[in-house]
PDB file of N, CA and C in Angstrom:
ATOM      1  N   UNK A   1       0.833  -1.181   0.000  1.00  0.00           N
ATOM      2  CA  UNK A   1       0.000   0.000   0.000  1.00  0.00           C
ATOM      3  C   UNK A   1       0.877   1.243   0.000  1.00  0.00           C
ATOM      4  N   UNK A   2       0.447   2.253  -0.726  1.00  0.00           N
ATOM      5  CA  UNK A   2       1.171   3.522  -0.652  1.00  0.00           C
ATOM      6  C   UNK A   2       1.068   4.098   0.763  1.00  0.00           C
ATOM      7  N   UNK A   3       2.058   4.856   1.173  1.00  0.00           N
ATOM      8  CA  UNK A   3       1.999   5.463   2.505  1.00  0.00           C
ATOM      9  C   UNK A   3       0.803   6.399   2.569  1.00  0.00           C
ATOM     10  N   UNK A   4       0.194   6.470   3.708  1.00  0.00           N
ATOM     11  CA  UNK A   4      -0.972   7.325   3.883  1.00  0.00           C
ATOM     12  C   UNK A   4      -2.296   6.618   3.691  1.00  0.00           C
ATOM     13  N   UNK A   5      -2.295   5.430   3.098  1.00  0.00           N
ATOM     14  CA  UNK A   5      -3.535   4.664   2.928  1.00  0.00           C
ATOM     15  C   UNK A   5      -3.794   3.929   4.237  1.00  0.00           C
ATOM     16  N   UNK A   6      -4.962   4.150   4.819  1.00  0.00           N
ATOM     17  CA  UNK A   6      -5.290   3.493   6.080  1.00  0.00           C
ATOM     18  C   UNK A   6      -5.785   2.073   5.819  1.00  0.00           C
ATOM     19  N   UNK A   7      -5.271   1.152   6.628  1.00  0.00           N
ATOM     20  CA  UNK A   7      -5.620  -0.260   6.495  1.00  0.00           C
ATOM     21  C   UNK A   7      -5.801  -0.837   7.893  1.00  0.00           C
ATOM     22  N   UNK A   8      -6.858  -1.607   8.090  1.00  0.00           N
ATOM     23  CA  UNK A   8      -7.044  -2.392   9.314  1.00  0.00           C
ATOM     24  C   UNK A   8      -6.951  -3.847   8.884  1.00  0.00           C
ATOM     25  N   UNK A   9      -5.996  -4.591   9.444  1.00  0.00           N
ATOM     26  CA  UNK A   9      -5.836  -5.960   8.969  1.00  0.00           C
ATOM     27  C   UNK A   9      -5.464  -6.923  10.081  1.00  0.00           C
ATOM     28  N   UNK A  10      -5.665  -8.188   9.802  1.00  0.00           N
ATOM     29  CA  UNK A  10      -5.344  -9.273  10.728  1.00  0.00           C
ATOM     30  C   UNK A  10      -4.680 -10.379   9.935  1.00  0.00           C
ATOM     31  N   UNK A  11      -3.516 -10.792  10.387  1.00  0.00           N
ATOM     32  CA  UNK A  11      -2.816 -11.892   9.734  1.00  0.00           C
ATOM     33  C   UNK A  11      -3.075 -13.178  10.497  1.00  0.00           C
ATOM     34  N   UNK A  12      -2.894 -14.292   9.802  1.00  0.00           N
ATOM     35  CA  UNK A  12      -3.041 -15.599  10.429  1.00  0.00           C
ATOM     36  C   UNK A  12      -2.063 -16.577   9.818  1.00  0.00           C
ATOM     37  N   UNK A  13      -1.626 -17.523  10.635  1.00  0.00           N
ATOM     38  CA  UNK A  13      -0.642 -18.512  10.183  1.00  0.00           C
ATOM     39  C   UNK A  13      -1.080 -19.901  10.645  1.00  0.00           C
ATOM     40  N   UNK A  14      -0.798 -20.894   9.839  1.00  0.00           N
ATOM     41  CA  UNK A  14      -1.014 -22.286  10.223  1.00  0.00           C
ATOM     42  C   UNK A  14       0.184 -23.069   9.717  1.00  0.00           C
ATOM     43  N   UNK A  15       1.100 -23.357  10.621  1.00  0.00           N
ATOM     44  CA  UNK A  15       2.334 -24.021  10.210  1.00  0.00           C
ATOM     45  C   UNK A  15       2.103 -25.454   9.742  1.00  0.00           C
ATOM     46  N   UNK A  16       1.035 -26.093  10.178  1.00  0.00           N
ATOM     47  CA  UNK A  16       0.744 -27.462   9.733  1.00  0.00           C
ATOM     48  C   UNK A  16       0.452 -27.512   8.235  1.00  0.00           C
ATOM     49  N   UNK A  17      -0.146 -26.447   7.709  1.00  0.00           N
ATOM     50  CA  UNK A  17      -0.487 -26.385   6.281  1.00  0.00           C
ATOM     51  C   UNK A  17       0.386 -25.388   5.530  1.00  0.00           C
ATOM     52  N   UNK A  18       1.397 -24.844   6.178  1.00  0.00           N
ATOM     53  CA  UNK A  18       2.260 -23.830   5.577  1.00  0.00           C
ATOM     54  C   UNK A  18       1.444 -22.649   5.053  1.00  0.00           C
ATOM     55  N   UNK A  19       0.449 -22.236   5.839  1.00  0.00           N
ATOM     56  CA  UNK A  19      -0.472 -21.186   5.412  1.00  0.00           C
ATOM     57  C   UNK A  19      -0.097 -19.837   6.020  1.00  0.00           C
ATOM     58  N   UNK A  20      -0.124 -18.816   5.191  1.00  0.00           N
ATOM     59  CA  UNK A  20       0.004 -17.421   5.601  1.00  0.00           C
ATOM     60  C   UNK A  20      -1.197 -16.704   5.015  1.00  0.00           C
ATOM     61  N   UNK A  21      -1.950 -16.015   5.860  1.00  0.00           N
ATOM     62  CA  UNK A  21      -3.186 -15.391   5.414  1.00  0.00           C
ATOM     63  C   UNK A  21      -3.252 -13.959   5.930  1.00  0.00           C
ATOM     64  N   UNK A  22      -3.991 -13.125   5.214  1.00  0.00           N
ATOM     65  CA  UNK A  22      -4.189 -11.740   5.651  1.00  0.00           C
ATOM     66  C   UNK A  22      -5.557 -11.289   5.162  1.00  0.00           C
ATOM     67  N   UNK A  23      -6.315 -10.673   6.050  1.00  0.00           N
ATOM     68  CA  UNK A  23      -7.589 -10.067   5.680  1.00  0.00           C
ATOM     69  C   UNK A  23      -7.512  -8.603   6.096  1.00  0.00           C
ATOM     70  N   UNK A  24      -8.015  -7.716   5.234  1.00  0.00           N
ATOM     71  CA  UNK A  24      -7.878  -6.284   5.497  1.00  0.00           C
ATOM     72  C   UNK A  24      -9.087  -5.504   5.016  1.00  0.00           C
ATOM     73  N   UNK A  25      -9.346  -4.430   5.725  1.00  0.00           N
ATOM     74  CA  UNK A  25     -10.251  -3.389   5.240  1.00  0.00           C
ATOM     75  C   UNK A  25      -9.334  -2.267   4.774  1.00  0.00           C
ATOM     76  N   UNK A  26      -9.475  -1.899   3.516  1.00  0.00           N
ATOM     77  CA  UNK A  26      -8.637  -0.842   2.938  1.00  0.00           C
ATOM     78  C   UNK A  26      -9.511   0.402   2.790  1.00  0.00           C
ATOM     79  N   UNK A  27      -9.059   1.485   3.383  1.00  0.00           N
ATOM     80  CA  UNK A  27      -9.799   2.738   3.345  1.00  0.00           C
ATOM     81  C   UNK A  27      -9.168   3.628   2.277  1.00  0.00           C
ATOM     82  N   UNK A  28      -9.584   3.399   1.020  1.00  0.00           N
ATOM     83  CA  UNK A  28      -9.060   4.148  -0.110  1.00  0.00           C
ATOM     84  C   UNK A  28     -10.115   5.063  -0.675  1.00  0.00           C
ATOM     85  N   UNK A  29      -9.977   5.400  -1.955  1.00  0.00           N
ATOM     86  CA  UNK A  29     -10.991   6.203  -2.626  1.00  0.00           C
ATOM     87  C   UNK A  29     -12.348   5.515  -2.509  1.00  0.00           C
ATOM     88  N   UNK A  30     -12.348   4.219  -2.657  1.00  0.00           N
ATOM     89  CA  UNK A  30     -13.515   3.366  -2.437  1.00  0.00           C
ATOM     90  C   UNK A  30     -13.049   2.296  -1.448  1.00  0.00           C
ATOM     91  N   UNK A  31     -13.673   2.243  -0.274  1.00  0.00           N
ATOM     92  CA  UNK A  31     -13.275   1.248   0.722  1.00  0.00           C
ATOM     93  C   UNK A  31     -13.616  -0.156   0.239  1.00  0.00           C
ATOM     94  N   UNK A  32     -12.787  -1.121   0.613  1.00  0.00           N
ATOM     95  CA  UNK A  32     -13.056  -2.512   0.254  1.00  0.00           C
ATOM     96  C   UNK A  32     -12.392  -3.450   1.246  1.00  0.00           C
ATOM     97  N   UNK A  33     -12.832  -4.699   1.214  1.00  0.00           N
ATOM     98  CA  UNK A  33     -12.260  -5.749   2.052  1.00  0.00           C
ATOM     99  C   UNK A  33     -11.533  -6.719   1.134  1.00  0.00           C
ATOM    100  N   UNK A  34     -10.341  -7.118   1.549  1.00  0.00           N
ATOM    101  CA  UNK A  34      -9.542  -8.067   0.771  1.00  0.00           C
ATOM    102  C   UNK A  34      -9.053  -9.163   1.702  1.00  0.00           C
ATOM    103  N   UNK A  35      -9.229 -10.397   1.282  1.00  0.00           N
ATOM    104  CA  UNK A  35      -8.724 -11.544   2.025  1.00  0.00           C
ATOM    105  C   UNK A  35      -7.850 -12.354   1.079  1.00  0.00           C
ATOM    106  N   UNK A  36      -6.613 -12.603   1.481  1.00  0.00           N
ATOM    107  CA  UNK A  36      -5.695 -13.403   0.675  1.00  0.00           C
ATOM    108  C   UNK A  36      -5.219 -14.559   1.545  1.00  0.00           C
ATOM    109  N   UNK A  37      -5.400 -15.764   1.043  1.00  0.00           N
ATOM    110  CA  UNK A  37      -4.984 -16.962   1.761  1.00  0.00           C
ATOM    111  C   UNK A  37      -3.992 -17.717   0.886  1.00  0.00           C
ATOM    112  N   UNK A  38      -2.895 -18.163   1.500  1.00  0.00           N
ATOM    113  CA  UNK A  38      -1.868 -18.866   0.739  1.00  0.00           C
ATOM    114  C   UNK A  38      -1.555 -20.201   1.392  1.00  0.00           C
ATOM    115  N   UNK A  39      -0.999 -21.098   0.617  1.00  0.00           N
ATOM    116  CA  UNK A  39      -0.428 -22.352   1.093  1.00  0.00           C
ATOM    117  C   UNK A  39       0.918 -22.483   0.418  1.00  0.00           C
ATOM    118  N   UNK A  40       1.976 -22.310   1.182  1.00  0.00           N
ATOM    119  CA  UNK A  40       3.310 -22.316   0.607  1.00  0.00           C
ATOM    120  C   UNK A  40       4.292 -22.832   1.647  1.00  0.00           C
ATOM    121  N   UNK A  41       5.319 -23.486   1.213  1.00  0.00           N
ATOM    122  CA  UNK A  41       6.346 -23.953   2.122  1.00  0.00           C
ATOM    123  C   UNK A  41       7.309 -22.861   2.534  1.00  0.00           C
ATOM    124  N   UNK A  42       7.136 -21.669   1.987  1.00  0.00           N
ATOM    125  CA  UNK A  42       8.066 -20.573   2.225  1.00  0.00           C
ATOM    126  C   UNK A  42       7.287 -19.335   2.668  1.00  0.00           C
ATOM    127  N   UNK A  43       7.439 -18.938   3.935  1.00  0.00           N
ATOM    128  CA  UNK A  43       6.688 -17.800   4.475  1.00  0.00           C
ATOM    129  C   UNK A  43       6.990 -16.508   3.725  1.00  0.00           C
ATOM    130  N   UNK A  44       8.246 -16.299   3.366  1.00  0.00           N
ATOM    131  CA  UNK A  44       8.618 -15.085   2.647  1.00  0.00           C
ATOM    132  C   UNK A  44       7.942 -15.027   1.282  1.00  0.00           C
ATOM    133  N   UNK A  45       7.906 -16.152   0.591  1.00  0.00           N
ATOM    134  CA  UNK A  45       7.245 -16.221  -0.718  1.00  0.00           C
ATOM    135  C   UNK A  45       5.747 -15.954  -0.565  1.00  0.00           C
ATOM    136  N   UNK A  46       5.151 -16.502   0.477  1.00  0.00           N
ATOM    137  CA  UNK A  46       3.720 -16.282   0.710  1.00  0.00           C
ATOM    138  C   UNK A  46       3.435 -14.810   0.991  1.00  0.00           C
ATOM    139  N   UNK A  47       4.259 -14.183   1.810  1.00  0.00           N
ATOM    140  CA  UNK A  47       4.067 -12.769   2.127  1.00  0.00           C
ATOM    141  C   UNK A  47       4.246 -11.893   0.892  1.00  0.00           C
ATOM    142  N   UNK A  48       5.173 -12.254   0.037  1.00  0.00           N
ATOM    143  CA  UNK A  48       5.352 -11.514  -1.220  1.00  0.00           C
ATOM    144  C   UNK A  48       4.136 -11.667  -2.118  1.00  0.00           C
ATOM    145  N   UNK A  49       3.557 -12.860  -2.155  1.00  0.00           N
ATOM    146  CA  UNK A  49       2.346 -13.092  -2.965  1.00  0.00           C
ATOM    147  C   UNK A  49       1.192 -12.249  -2.436  1.00  0.00           C
ATOM    148  N   UNK A  50       1.041 -12.193  -1.110  1.00  0.00           N
ATOM    149  CA  UNK A  50      -0.015 -11.380  -0.509  1.00  0.00           C
ATOM    150  C   UNK A  50       0.187  -9.912  -0.876  1.00  0.00           C
ATOM    151  N   UNK A  51       1.409  -9.429  -0.787  1.00  0.00           N
ATOM    152  CA  UNK A  51       1.702  -8.035  -1.139  1.00  0.00           C
ATOM    153  C   UNK A  51       1.408  -7.756  -2.606  1.00  0.00           C
ATOM    154  N   UNK A  52       1.756  -8.689  -3.481  1.00  0.00           N
ATOM    155  CA  UNK A  52       1.515  -8.513  -4.925  1.00  0.00           C
ATOM    156  C   UNK A  52       0.018  -8.455  -5.234  1.00  0.00           C
ATOM    157  N   UNK A  53      -0.758  -9.363  -4.652  1.00  0.00           N
ATOM    158  CA  UNK A  53      -2.210  -9.363  -4.865  1.00  0.00           C
ATOM    159  C   UNK A  53      -2.813  -8.077  -4.317  1.00  0.00           C
ATOM    160  N   UNK A  54      -2.369  -7.673  -3.147  1.00  0.00           N
ATOM    161  CA  UNK A  54      -2.870  -6.443  -2.545  1.00  0.00           C
ATOM    162  C   UNK A  54      -2.605  -5.236  -3.434  1.00  0.00           C
ATOM    163  N   UNK A  55      -1.405  -5.168  -3.976  1.00  0.00           N
ATOM    164  CA  UNK A  55      -1.045  -4.056  -4.874  1.00  0.00           C
ATOM    165  C   UNK A  55      -1.926  -4.055  -6.126  1.00  0.00           C
ATOM    166  N   UNK A  56      -2.122  -5.224  -6.722  1.00  0.00           N
ATOM    167  CA  UNK A  56      -2.943  -5.304  -7.942  1.00  0.00           C
ATOM    168  C   UNK A  56      -4.379  -4.866  -7.675  1.00  0.00           C
ATOM    169  N   UNK A  57      -4.951  -5.321  -6.570  1.00  0.00           N
ATOM    170  CA  UNK A  57      -6.335  -4.956  -6.247  1.00  0.00           C
ATOM    171  C   UNK A  57      -6.430  -3.463  -5.952  1.00  0.00           C
ATOM    172  N   UNK A  58      -5.490  -2.933  -5.166  1.00  0.00           N
ATOM    173  CA  UNK A  58      -5.499  -1.506  -4.846  1.00  0.00           C
ATOM    174  C   UNK A  58      -5.436  -0.660  -6.128  1.00  0.00           C
ATOM    175  N   UNK A  59      -4.522  -0.997  -7.027  1.00  0.00           N
ATOM    176  CA  UNK A  59      -4.382  -0.240  -8.276  1.00  0.00           C
ATOM    177  C   UNK A  59      -5.643  -0.344  -9.135  1.00  0.00           C
ATOM    178  N   UNK A  60      -6.256  -1.515  -9.160  1.00  0.00           N
ATOM    179  CA  UNK A  60      -7.494  -1.695  -9.928  1.00  0.00           C
ATOM    180  C   UNK A  60      -8.612  -0.827  -9.349  1.00  0.00           C
ATOM    181  N   UNK A  61      -8.804  -0.895  -8.041  1.00  0.00           N
ATOM    182  CA  UNK A  61      -9.880  -0.116  -7.402  1.00  0.00           C
ATOM    183  C   UNK A  61      -9.635   1.377  -7.616  1.00  0.00           C
ATOM    184  N   UNK A  62      -8.414   1.826  -7.386  1.00  0.00           N
ATOM    185  CA  UNK A  62      -8.126   3.249  -7.542  1.00  0.00           C
ATOM    186  C   UNK A  62      -8.321   3.714  -8.990  1.00  0.00           C
ATOM    187  N   UNK A  63      -7.948   2.897  -9.953  1.00  0.00           N
ATOM    188  CA  UNK A  63      -8.087   3.314 -11.351  1.00  0.00           C
ATOM    189  C   UNK A  63      -9.541   3.321 -11.820  1.00  0.00           C
ATOM    190  N   UNK A  64     -10.393   2.549 -11.163  1.00  0.00           N
ATOM    191  CA  UNK A  64     -11.796   2.484 -11.576  1.00  0.00           C
ATOM    192  C   UNK A  64     -12.740   3.343 -10.749  1.00  0.00           C
ATOM    193  N   UNK A  65     -12.314   3.776  -9.577  1.00  0.00           N
ATOM    194  CA  UNK A  65     -13.199   4.546  -8.715  1.00  0.00           C
ATOM    195  C   UNK A  65     -12.671   5.939  -8.391  1.00  0.00           C
ATOM    196  N   UNK A  66     -11.474   6.276  -8.818  1.00  0.00           N
ATOM    197  CA  UNK A  66     -10.908   7.594  -8.522  1.00  0.00           C
ATOM    198  C   UNK A  66     -11.606   8.671  -9.348  1.00  0.00           C
ATOM    199  N   UNK A  67     -11.760   9.805  -8.725  1.00  0.00           N
ATOM    200  CA  UNK A  67     -12.183  10.992  -9.410  1.00  0.00           C
ATOM    201  C   UNK A  67     -13.552  11.190  -9.773  1.00  0.00           C
TER     202      UNK A  67
END
C-alpha cells in the first residue's frame, strides 16, 4: 500500500499447512475488504504473494473509482 492509505488488517498462520493469510479493510478512494490466503512452504514467498495481490487490487480499485 502507498503510505498514507489506512488499512485495518489481521494476519493468520497455520504451520501445519504452511499457510500465511491476511484479511484487510482498505480505506481508499472506495473502501473494500480483501482476504488473501496462501499455502506455501516458504513464508517469505507467501508474504510476497499477498503483497503482490494487494497491490494489484489496490491499483485496480483506484483506477476504476478515482475521481
